[in-house]
Amino acid sequence: MRLLFLLVLFLSGACSAELPDLRSVAPELRVPAVTAGEPAAGRRVRRTLPPYRGTEVHHVLYLPVDWRADRRFPVIVEYAGNGSYSNRFGDVCDGTVESSSLGYGASGGKGFIWVCAPYVSPDHQRNQRLWWGDVEATVAYCTGVVADVCANYQGDPSAVFLAGFSRGSIACNFIGLHNDAVAALWRGFICHSHYDGVRAWSYAGSDRAAAAVRLARLRGRPQFISQEGSVAETQAYLTNACPSGRFTFVPLPYRNHTDQWSLRNLPERAALRAWLAEQLKGAD
């Protein structure tokens, strides 16, 4: 039975190379450039939490075009994929907070505050572009940036979502469920391409036993899980690891390993937006 399952996965991967290229669909949205200055409606700006002033560690904050100071807004916190990534289809990722786009595509630039959070380097001097850097510092920055957005920019603490692509998708659990304090922040999760615990990677704690400890902190909250080609491997893993979980699985019929799909008017993006709207029902 296991051999049959592995064969199915192999054939699924082989078939994904035959899928159309995402570039055959023109993007509908363009992510705003990062600019200098103070946050304002429709602007995307570089910010640094007080403990890291004087270093290169920073996050990027976007206030939606409909932002105003007299109401609360739901928040999407996003983590980037690994830097120095490229594949034979021309997909690339530089691992920076500036290059992320999943949260912007999910919201369309309105109705949600969007924050791209960093992984903190081991020396605490810069953003980490490959894997996690200092995990504890990265988790602490995450909790700090959520507190800052909710205290100073009208973020709604009852409606904060964690999102990520590739490394960032793994980070939804690896960072976002690292301990009880950070796990308590989230209303839901958007995980695109890869998932914590599905396979072992080159860092400590990528094994399934460690992933199971993190997954237990999910405690029934919903996750939107998508991937290019097929989500079968992640779905099979979670069927065993968390059979009672509230998971929405959405395969993308394109071959590209990228978060750029969210910038296009696709049925899968419509499904993501409908999922977000559903999760916001009853928000305080």
C-alpha atoms as a PDB file:
ATOM      1  CA  MET A   1       0.000   0.000   0.000  1.00  0.00           C
ATOM      2  CA  ARG A   2       2.849   2.379   0.878  1.00  0.00           C
ATOM      3  CA  LEU A   3       4.561   1.613  -2.439  1.00  0.00           C
ATOM      4  CA  LEU A   4       1.347   2.434  -4.270  1.00  0.00           C
ATOM      5  CA  PHE A   5       1.054   5.722  -2.357  1.00  0.00           C
ATOM      6  CA  LEU A   6       4.651   6.652  -3.216  1.00  0.00           C
ATOM      7  CA  LEU A   7       4.011   5.810  -6.856  1.00  0.00           C
ATOM      8  CA  VAL A   8       0.972   8.082  -6.866  1.00  0.00           C
ATOM      9  CA  LEU A   9       3.060  10.911  -5.408  1.00  0.00           C
ATOM     10  CA  PHE A  10       5.802  10.352  -7.989  1.00  0.00           C
ATOM     11  CA  LEU A  11       3.357  10.406 -10.853  1.00  0.00           C
ATOM     12  CA  SER A  12       1.696  13.497  -9.403  1.00  0.00           C
ATOM     13  CA  GLY A  13       5.046  15.304  -9.363  1.00  0.00           C
ATOM     14  CA  ALA A  14       5.824  14.195 -12.900  1.00  0.00           C
ATOM     15  CA  CYS A  15       2.440  15.393 -14.102  1.00  0.00           C
ATOM     16  CA  SER A  16       2.906  18.784 -12.443  1.00  0.00           C
ATOM     17  CA  ALA A  17       5.681  19.537 -14.927  1.00  0.00           C
ATOM     18  CA  GLU A  18       3.069  19.195 -17.655  1.00  0.00           C
ATOM     19  CA  LEU A  19       0.749  21.729 -16.066  1.00  0.00           C
ATOM     20  CA  PRO A  20       0.468  25.212 -17.624  1.00  0.00           C
ATOM     21  CA  ASP A  21       2.727  28.032 -16.561  1.00  0.00           C
ATOM     22  CA  LEU A  22       1.183  30.639 -14.290  1.00  0.00           C
ATOM     23  CA  ARG A  23       2.554  33.387 -16.537  1.00  0.00           C
ATOM     24  CA  SER A  24      -0.067  32.405 -19.089  1.00  0.00           C
ATOM     25  CA  VAL A  25      -2.490  34.349 -16.850  1.00  0.00           C
ATOM     26  CA  ALA A  26      -1.779  38.074 -16.607  1.00  0.00           C
ATOM     27  CA  PRO A  27      -1.607  39.458 -13.058  1.00  0.00           C
ATOM     28  CA  GLU A  28      -4.519  41.620 -11.986  1.00  0.00           C
ATOM     29  CA  LEU A  29      -2.693  43.168  -9.016  1.00  0.00           C
ATOM     30  CA  ARG A  30       0.715  44.721  -8.500  1.00  0.00           C
ATOM     31  CA  VAL A  31       2.205  44.730  -5.006  1.00  0.00           C
ATOM     32  CA  PRO A  32       2.945  48.304  -3.872  1.00  0.00           C
ATOM     33  CA  ALA A  33       6.607  49.232  -3.684  1.00  0.00           C
ATOM     34  CA  VAL A  34       8.153  49.749  -0.257  1.00  0.00           C
ATOM     35  CA  THR A  35       8.617  53.470   0.412  1.00  0.00           C
ATOM     36  CA  ALA A  36      10.174  55.625   3.107  1.00  0.00           C
ATOM     37  CA  GLY A  37       8.146  57.561   5.638  1.00  0.00           C
ATOM     38  CA  GLU A  38       5.360  56.917   8.086  1.00  0.00           C
ATOM     39  CA  PRO A  39       2.555  54.373   7.592  1.00  0.00           C
ATOM     40  CA  ALA A  40      -0.593  55.676   5.903  1.00  0.00           C
ATOM     41  CA  ALA A  41      -3.540  54.275   3.978  1.00  0.00           C
ATOM     42  CA  GLY A  42      -2.347  52.597   0.780  1.00  0.00           C
ATOM     43  CA  ARG A  43       1.351  52.813   1.695  1.00  0.00           C
ATOM     44  CA  ARG A  44       3.819  49.989   2.272  1.00  0.00           C
ATOM     45  CA  VAL A  45       6.704  51.020   4.508  1.00  0.00           C
ATOM     46  CA  ARG A  46       9.727  49.529   6.234  1.00  0.00           C
ATOM     47  CA  ARG A  47       9.543  49.399  10.040  1.00  0.00           C
ATOM     48  CA  THR A  48      11.742  48.106  12.870  1.00  0.00           C
ATOM     49  CA  LEU A  49      10.681  47.182  16.389  1.00  0.00           C
ATOM     50  CA  PRO A  50      12.434  49.178  19.146  1.00  0.00           C
ATOM     51  CA  PRO A  51      14.748  46.352  20.347  1.00  0.00           C
ATOM     52  CA  TYR A  52      16.274  46.169  16.852  1.00  0.00           C
ATOM     53  CA  ARG A  53      16.828  49.845  16.118  1.00  0.00           C
ATOM     54  CA  GLY A  54      20.360  50.303  14.850  1.00  0.00           C
ATOM     55  CA  THR A  55      20.309  46.919  13.089  1.00  0.00           C
ATOM     56  CA  GLU A  56      19.090  45.823   9.650  1.00  0.00           C
ATOM     57  CA  VAL A  57      16.294  43.671  11.127  1.00  0.00           C
ATOM     58  CA  HIS A  58      12.950  44.977   9.876  1.00  0.00           C
ATOM     59  CA  HIS A  59       9.414  44.160   8.820  1.00  0.00           C
ATOM     60  CA  VAL A  60       7.212  45.708   6.150  1.00  0.00           C
ATOM     61  CA  LEU A  61       3.818  47.189   7.039  1.00  0.00           C
ATOM     62  CA  TYR A  62       0.980  47.892   4.622  1.00  0.00           C
ATOM     63  CA  LEU A  63      -2.147  49.775   5.668  1.00  0.00           C
ATOM     64  CA  PRO A  64      -5.063  49.131   3.306  1.00  0.00           C
ATOM     65  CA  VAL A  65      -6.439  51.832   1.050  1.00  0.00           C
ATOM     66  CA  ASP A  66      -9.573  51.977   3.214  1.00  0.00           C
ATOM     67  CA  TRP A  67      -7.650  52.241   6.496  1.00  0.00           C
ATOM     68  CA  ARG A  68      -8.831  54.788   9.026  1.00  0.00           C
ATOM     69  CA  ALA A  69      -8.097  55.434  12.664  1.00  0.00           C
ATOM     70  CA  ASP A  70     -11.622  54.973  14.020  1.00  0.00           C
ATOM     71  CA  ARG A  71     -12.132  51.251  13.270  1.00  0.00           C
ATOM     72  CA  ARG A  72     -10.357  47.934  13.670  1.00  0.00           C
ATOM     73  CA  PHE A  73      -8.964  45.916  10.772  1.00  0.00           C
ATOM     74  CA  PRO A  74      -8.138  42.214  10.476  1.00  0.00           C
ATOM     75  CA  VAL A  75      -4.438  41.488  10.022  1.00  0.00           C
ATOM     76  CA  ILE A  76      -2.464  39.131   7.794  1.00  0.00           C
ATOM     77  CA  VAL A  77       1.084  38.424   9.000  1.00  0.00           C
ATOM     78  CA  GLU A  78       3.185  36.819   6.264  1.00  0.00           C
ATOM     79  CA  TYR A  79       6.466  34.900   6.095  1.00  0.00           C
ATOM     80  CA  ALA A  80       8.575  34.636   2.947  1.00  0.00           C
ATOM     81  CA  GLY A  81      10.053  31.568   1.287  1.00  0.00           C
ATOM     82  CA  ASN A  82      13.759  30.722   1.300  1.00  0.00           C
ATOM     83  CA  GLY A  83      16.129  33.048  -0.517  1.00  0.00           C
ATOM     84  CA  SER A  84      18.368  32.092  -3.436  1.00  0.00           C
ATOM     85  CA  TYR A  85      15.642  29.817  -4.801  1.00  0.00           C
ATOM     86  CA  SER A  86      15.124  29.238  -8.510  1.00  0.00           C
ATOM     87  CA  ASN A  87      13.801  26.400 -10.631  1.00  0.00           C
ATOM     88  CA  ARG A  88      13.686  25.326 -14.254  1.00  0.00           C
ATOM     89  CA  PHE A  89      10.403  27.140 -14.826  1.00  0.00           C
ATOM     90  CA  GLY A  90      11.923  30.520 -13.997  1.00  0.00           C
ATOM     91  CA  ASP A  91      10.382  30.819 -10.531  1.00  0.00           C
ATOM     92  CA  VAL A  92      12.577  32.684  -8.055  1.00  0.00           C
ATOM     93  CA  CYS A  93      12.447  33.737  -4.404  1.00  0.00           C
ATOM     94  CA  ASP A  94      14.915  36.060  -2.694  1.00  0.00           C
ATOM     95  CA  GLY A  95      13.678  35.386   0.835  1.00  0.00           C
ATOM     96  CA  THR A  96      13.001  39.018   1.717  1.00  0.00           C
ATOM     97  CA  VAL A  97      10.051  40.658   3.416  1.00  0.00           C
ATOM     98  CA  GLU A  98       9.850  43.076   0.502  1.00  0.00           C
ATOM     99  CA  SER A  99       9.215  40.372  -2.117  1.00  0.00           C
ATOM    100  CA  SER A 100       6.206  38.659  -0.509  1.00  0.00           C
ATOM    101  CA  SER A 101       2.778  38.952  -2.130  1.00  0.00           C
ATOM    102  CA  LEU A 102       0.412  36.317  -0.728  1.00  0.00           C
ATOM    103  CA  GLY A 103      -1.250  38.592   1.822  1.00  0.00           C
ATOM    104  CA  TYR A 104      -1.716  41.385  -0.681  1.00  0.00           C
ATOM    105  CA  GLY A 105      -3.346  39.055  -3.182  1.00  0.00           C
ATOM    106  CA  ALA A 106      -5.567  37.549  -0.522  1.00  0.00           C
ATOM    107  CA  SER A 107      -6.893  40.964   0.508  1.00  0.00           C
ATOM    108  CA  GLY A 108      -6.672  42.862  -2.755  1.00  0.00           C
ATOM    109  CA  GLY A 109      -5.056  45.704  -0.839  1.00  0.00           C
ATOM    110  CA  LYS A 110      -8.134  46.638   1.167  1.00  0.00           C
ATOM    111  CA  GLY A 111      -9.902  45.558   4.320  1.00  0.00           C
ATOM    112  CA  PHE A 112      -6.793  43.977   5.884  1.00  0.00           C
ATOM    113  CA  ILE A 113      -3.580  45.257   7.410  1.00  0.00           C
ATOM    114  CA  TRP A 114      -0.714  43.274   5.889  1.00  0.00           C
ATOM    115  CA  VAL A 115       2.599  42.728   7.659  1.00  0.00           C
ATOM    116  CA  CYS A 116       5.599  40.859   6.275  1.00  0.00           C
ATOM    117  CA  ALA A 117       7.579  39.648   9.281  1.00  0.00           C
ATOM    118  CA  PRO A 118      11.290  38.738   9.349  1.00  0.00           C
ATOM    119  CA  TYR A 119      13.229  35.734  10.446  1.00  0.00           C
ATOM    120  CA  VAL A 120      15.956  37.140  12.719  1.00  0.00           C
ATOM    121  CA  SER A 121      19.583  36.207  11.974  1.00  0.00           C
ATOM    122  CA  PRO A 122      21.635  34.427  14.666  1.00  0.00           C
ATOM    123  CA  ASP A 123      23.606  37.612  15.400  1.00  0.00           C
ATOM    124  CA  HIS A 124      20.371  39.668  15.588  1.00  0.00           C
ATOM    125  CA  GLN A 125      21.724  42.144  13.038  1.00  0.00           C
ATOM    126  CA  ARG A 126      19.766  41.360   9.876  1.00  0.00           C
ATOM    127  CA  ASN A 127      16.862  39.456   8.375  1.00  0.00           C
ATOM    128  CA  GLN A 128      17.584  35.778   7.736  1.00  0.00           C
ATOM    129  CA  ARG A 129      17.036  34.773   4.097  1.00  0.00           C
ATOM    130  CA  LEU A 130      17.567  31.016   4.484  1.00  0.00           C
ATOM    131  CA  TRP A 131      15.572  29.030   7.031  1.00  0.00           C
ATOM    132  CA  TRP A 132      15.033  30.289  10.562  1.00  0.00           C
ATOM    133  CA  GLY A 133      18.045  32.098  12.014  1.00  0.00           C
ATOM    134  CA  ASP A 134      17.469  32.476  15.758  1.00  0.00           C
ATOM    135  CA  VAL A 135      14.119  30.742  16.252  1.00  0.00           C
ATOM    136  CA  GLU A 136      13.387  32.244  19.665  1.00  0.00           C
ATOM    137  CA  ALA A 137      14.209  35.755  18.426  1.00  0.00           C
ATOM    138  CA  THR A 138      12.065  35.212  15.325  1.00  0.00           C
ATOM    139  CA  VAL A 139       9.116  34.103  17.461  1.00  0.00           C
ATOM    140  CA  ALA A 140       9.591  37.071  19.806  1.00  0.00           C
ATOM    141  CA  TYR A 141       9.688  39.485  16.852  1.00  0.00           C
ATOM    142  CA  CYS A 142       6.475  37.929  15.566  1.00  0.00           C
ATOM    143  CA  THR A 143       4.624  38.453  18.837  1.00  0.00           C
ATOM    144  CA  GLY A 144       6.060  41.965  19.064  1.00  0.00           C
ATOM    145  CA  VAL A 145       4.962  42.981  15.592  1.00  0.00           C
ATOM    146  CA  VAL A 146       1.397  41.716  16.187  1.00  0.00           C
ATOM    147  CA  ALA A 147       1.252  43.701  19.433  1.00  0.00           C
ATOM    148  CA  ASP A 148       2.579  46.806  17.655  1.00  0.00           C
ATOM    149  CA  VAL A 149       0.087  46.599  14.778  1.00  0.00           C
ATOM    150  CA  CYS A 150      -2.846  46.085  17.124  1.00  0.00           C
ATOM    151  CA  ALA A 151      -1.781  48.832  19.553  1.00  0.00           C
ATOM    152  CA  ASN A 152      -0.726  51.489  17.044  1.00  0.00           C
ATOM    153  CA  TYR A 153      -2.417  50.813  13.698  1.00  0.00           C
ATOM    154  CA  GLN A 154      -5.910  49.553  14.573  1.00  0.00           C
ATOM    155  CA  GLY A 155      -5.217  45.877  14.054  1.00  0.00           C
ATOM    156  CA  ASP A 156      -7.956  43.639  15.454  1.00  0.00           C
ATOM    157  CA  PRO A 157      -6.352  41.185  17.912  1.00  0.00           C
ATOM    158  CA  SER A 158      -9.275  38.785  17.482  1.00  0.00           C
ATOM    159  CA  ALA A 159      -8.758  38.563  13.707  1.00  0.00           C
ATOM    160  CA  VAL A 160      -5.052  37.975  13.040  1.00  0.00           C
ATOM    161  CA  PHE A 161      -4.096  35.417  10.374  1.00  0.00           C
ATOM    162  CA  LEU A 162      -0.689  33.896   9.693  1.00  0.00           C
ATOM    163  CA  ALA A 163       0.288  33.247   6.072  1.00  0.00           C
ATOM    164  CA  GLY A 164       3.326  32.054   4.199  1.00  0.00           C
ATOM    165  CA  PHE A 165       4.767  30.596   1.023  1.00  0.00           C
ATOM    166  CA  SER A 166       7.208  27.651   0.905  1.00  0.00           C
ATOM    167  CA  ARG A 167       9.517  28.205   3.924  1.00  0.00           C
ATOM    168  CA  GLY A 168       6.818  30.612   5.058  1.00  0.00           C
ATOM    169  CA  SER A 169       4.161  27.935   4.750  1.00  0.00           C
ATOM    170  CA  ILE A 170       6.205  25.678   7.013  1.00  0.00           C
ATOM    171  CA  ALA A 171       6.652  28.700   9.311  1.00  0.00           C
ATOM    172  CA  CYS A 172       2.906  28.862   9.893  1.00  0.00           C
ATOM    173  CA  ASN A 173       3.381  25.948  12.270  1.00  0.00           C
ATOM    174  CA  PHE A 174       7.146  25.974  12.927  1.00  0.00           C
ATOM    175  CA  ILE A 175       7.112  29.624  14.056  1.00  0.00           C
ATOM    176  CA  GLY A 176       3.393  30.311  14.526  1.00  0.00           C
ATOM    177  CA  LEU A 177       2.811  27.288  16.767  1.00  0.00           C
ATOM    178  CA  HIS A 178       6.256  27.299  18.389  1.00  0.00           C
ATOM    179  CA  ASN A 179       4.874  27.870  21.874  1.00  0.00           C
ATOM    180  CA  ASP A 180       1.534  28.537  23.532  1.00  0.00           C
ATOM    181  CA  ALA A 181       1.992  32.314  23.590  1.00  0.00           C
ATOM    182  CA  VAL A 182       2.553  32.790  19.866  1.00  0.00           C
ATOM    183  CA  ALA A 183       0.012  30.083  18.983  1.00  0.00           C
ATOM    184  CA  ALA A 184      -2.689  32.034  20.812  1.00  0.00           C
ATOM    185  CA  LEU A 185      -2.385  34.982  18.410  1.00  0.00           C
ATOM    186  CA  TRP A 186      -3.977  33.414  15.347  1.00  0.00           C
ATOM    187  CA  ARG A 187      -7.536  33.131  14.072  1.00  0.00           C
ATOM    188  CA  GLY A 188      -6.445  31.036  11.078  1.00  0.00           C
ATOM    189  CA  PHE A 189      -3.566  30.162   8.761  1.00  0.00           C
ATOM    190  CA  ILE A 190      -2.847  30.374   5.023  1.00  0.00           C
ATOM    191  CA  CYS A 191      -0.222  27.794   4.052  1.00  0.00           C
ATOM    192  CA  HIS A 192       0.923  27.751   0.417  1.00  0.00           C
ATOM    193  CA  SER A 193       3.323  25.081  -0.871  1.00  0.00           C
ATOM    194  CA  HIS A 194       4.960  22.804   1.767  1.00  0.00           C
ATOM    195  CA  TYR A 195       3.777  22.011   5.269  1.00  0.00           C
ATOM    196  CA  ASP A 196       5.488  21.446   8.595  1.00  0.00           C
ATOM    197  CA  GLY A 197       6.054  17.739   9.273  1.00  0.00           C
ATOM    198  CA  VAL A 198       5.351  16.386   5.800  1.00  0.00           C
ATOM    199  CA  ARG A 199       9.048  15.842   5.096  1.00  0.00           C
ATOM    200  CA  ALA A 200      12.334  16.159   6.972  1.00  0.00           C
ATOM    201  CA  TRP A 201      14.533  19.148   6.155  1.00  0.00           C
ATOM    202  CA  SER A 202      18.075  20.155   7.083  1.00  0.00           C
ATOM    203  CA  TYR A 203      17.218  21.888  10.363  1.00  0.00           C
ATOM    204  CA  ALA A 204      16.583  20.528  13.853  1.00  0.00           C
ATOM    205  CA  GLY A 205      12.922  19.949  14.665  1.00  0.00           C
ATOM    206  CA  SER A 206      11.708  19.147  11.158  1.00  0.00           C
ATOM    207  CA  ASP A 207      10.889  15.551  12.148  1.00  0.00           C
ATOM    208  CA  ARG A 208       7.288  14.401  12.543  1.00  0.00           C
ATOM    209  CA  ALA A 209       7.507  13.920  16.297  1.00  0.00           C
ATOM    210  CA  ALA A 210       8.492  17.574  16.795  1.00  0.00           C
ATOM    211  CA  ALA A 211       5.912  18.717  14.241  1.00  0.00           C
ATOM    212  CA  ALA A 212       3.204  16.816  16.126  1.00  0.00           C
ATOM    213  CA  VAL A 213       3.912  18.837  19.268  1.00  0.00           C
ATOM    214  CA  ARG A 214       3.409  22.055  17.318  1.00  0.00           C
ATOM    215  CA  LEU A 215       0.344  20.749  15.508  1.00  0.00           C
ATOM    216  CA  ALA A 216      -1.312  19.998  18.860  1.00  0.00           C
ATOM    217  CA  ARG A 217      -1.299  23.764  19.530  1.00  0.00           C
ATOM    218  CA  LEU A 218      -3.538  24.335  16.504  1.00  0.00           C
ATOM    219  CA  ARG A 219      -6.531  23.420  18.688  1.00  0.00           C
ATOM    220  CA  GLY A 220      -9.184  23.349  16.017  1.00  0.00           C
ATOM    221  CA  ARG A 221      -8.361  26.581  14.247  1.00  0.00           C
ATOM    222  CA  PRO A 222      -8.717  26.545  10.459  1.00  0.00           C
ATOM    223  CA  GLN A 223      -5.988  26.318   7.851  1.00  0.00           C
ATOM    224  CA  PHE A 224      -6.219  27.038   4.128  1.00  0.00           C
ATOM    225  CA  ILE A 225      -3.647  24.749   2.489  1.00  0.00           C
ATOM    226  CA  SER A 226      -2.722  25.098  -1.169  1.00  0.00           C
ATOM    227  CA  GLN A 227       0.060  23.926  -3.436  1.00  0.00           C
ATOM    228  CA  GLU A 228       0.972  23.905  -7.074  1.00  0.00           C
ATOM    229  CA  GLY A 229      -0.083  20.705  -8.805  1.00  0.00           C
ATOM    230  CA  SER A 230      -1.323  18.663  -5.876  1.00  0.00           C
ATOM    231  CA  VAL A 231      -1.975  18.857  -2.129  1.00  0.00           C
ATOM    232  CA  ALA A 232      -2.271  15.060  -1.849  1.00  0.00           C
ATOM    233  CA  GLU A 233       0.909  14.539   0.178  1.00  0.00           C
ATOM    234  CA  THR A 234      -0.046  17.137   2.802  1.00  0.00           C
ATOM    235  CA  GLN A 235      -3.628  15.907   2.886  1.00  0.00           C
ATOM    236  CA  ALA A 236      -2.481  12.318   3.467  1.00  0.00           C
ATOM    237  CA  TYR A 237      -0.154  13.461   6.253  1.00  0.00           C
ATOM    238  CA  LEU A 238      -2.834  15.450   8.056  1.00  0.00           C
ATOM    239  CA  THR A 239      -5.420  12.715   7.699  1.00  0.00           C
ATOM    240  CA  ASN A 240      -3.233  10.696  10.058  1.00  0.00           C
ATOM    241  CA  ALA A 241      -1.599  13.460  12.099  1.00  0.00           C
ATOM    242  CA  CYS A 242      -4.698  15.579  12.776  1.00  0.00           C
ATOM    243  CA  PRO A 243      -7.855  13.789  11.605  1.00  0.00           C
ATOM    244  CA  SER A 244     -10.171  16.252  13.348  1.00  0.00           C
ATOM    245  CA  GLY A 245      -8.475  19.341  11.900  1.00  0.00           C
ATOM    246  CA  ARG A 246     -10.349  22.080  10.036  1.00  0.00           C
ATOM    247  CA  PHE A 247      -8.351  22.000   6.817  1.00  0.00           C
ATOM    248  CA  THR A 248      -9.318  23.377   3.415  1.00  0.00           C
ATOM    249  CA  PHE A 249      -7.182  21.829   0.658  1.00  0.00           C
ATOM    250  CA  VAL A 250      -6.874  23.670  -2.654  1.00  0.00           C
ATOM    251  CA  PRO A 251      -4.563  22.455  -5.451  1.00  0.00           C
ATOM    252  CA  LEU A 252      -3.456  25.004  -8.029  1.00  0.00           C
ATOM    253  CA  PRO A 253      -3.516  23.766 -11.647  1.00  0.00           C
ATOM    254  CA  TYR A 254      -0.160  25.409 -12.433  1.00  0.00           C
ATOM    255  CA  ARG A 255       3.422  24.151 -12.231  1.00  0.00           C
ATOM    256  CA  ASN A 256       4.996  27.184 -10.581  1.00  0.00           C
ATOM    257  CA  HIS A 257       6.477  27.296  -7.086  1.00  0.00           C
ATOM    258  CA  THR A 258       5.527  30.874  -6.254  1.00  0.00           C
ATOM    259  CA  ASP A 259       3.090  33.034  -4.297  1.00  0.00           C
ATOM    260  CA  GLN A 260       2.403  35.132  -7.403  1.00  0.00           C
ATOM    261  CA  TRP A 261      -0.786  33.192  -8.117  1.00  0.00           C
ATOM    262  CA  SER A 262      -2.569  35.327  -5.521  1.00  0.00           C
ATOM    263  CA  LEU A 263      -2.099  38.381  -7.742  1.00  0.00           C
ATOM    264  CA  ARG A 264      -4.193  36.803 -10.489  1.00  0.00           C
ATOM    265  CA  ASN A 265      -7.950  36.513 -10.886  1.00  0.00           C
ATOM    266  CA  LEU A 266      -8.106  32.750 -10.397  1.00  0.00           C
ATOM    267  CA  PRO A 267     -10.848  30.531  -8.921  1.00  0.00           C
ATOM    268  CA  GLU A 268      -8.328  29.447  -6.275  1.00  0.00           C
ATOM    269  CA  ARG A 269      -7.825  33.044  -5.166  1.00  0.00           C
ATOM    270  CA  ALA A 270     -11.605  33.497  -5.021  1.00  0.00           C
ATOM    271  CA  ALA A 271     -11.704  30.403  -2.793  1.00  0.00           C
ATOM    272  CA  LEU A 272      -9.062  31.922  -0.507  1.00  0.00           C
ATOM    273  CA  ARG A 273     -10.967  35.194  -0.212  1.00  0.00           C
ATOM    274  CA  ALA A 274     -14.206  33.338   0.496  1.00  0.00           C
ATOM    275  CA  TRP A 275     -12.395  31.305   3.168  1.00  0.00           C
ATOM    276  CA  LEU A 276     -11.099  34.492   4.824  1.00  0.00           C
ATOM    277  CA  ALA A 277     -14.580  36.022   4.793  1.00  0.00           C
ATOM    278  CA  GLU A 278     -15.983  32.886   6.404  1.00  0.00           C
ATOM    279  CA  GLN A 279     -13.381  32.956   9.171  1.00  0.00           C
ATOM    280  CA  LEU A 280     -14.142  36.599   9.927  1.00  0.00           C
ATOM    281  CA  LYS A 281     -17.799  35.913  10.665  1.00  0.00           C
ATOM    282  CA  GLY A 282     -18.396  36.611  14.315  1.00  0.00           C
ATOM    283  CA  ALA A 283     -15.085  38.450  14.807  1.00  0.00           C
ATOM    284  CA  ASP A 284     -15.189  40.874  17.724  1.00  0.00           C
END
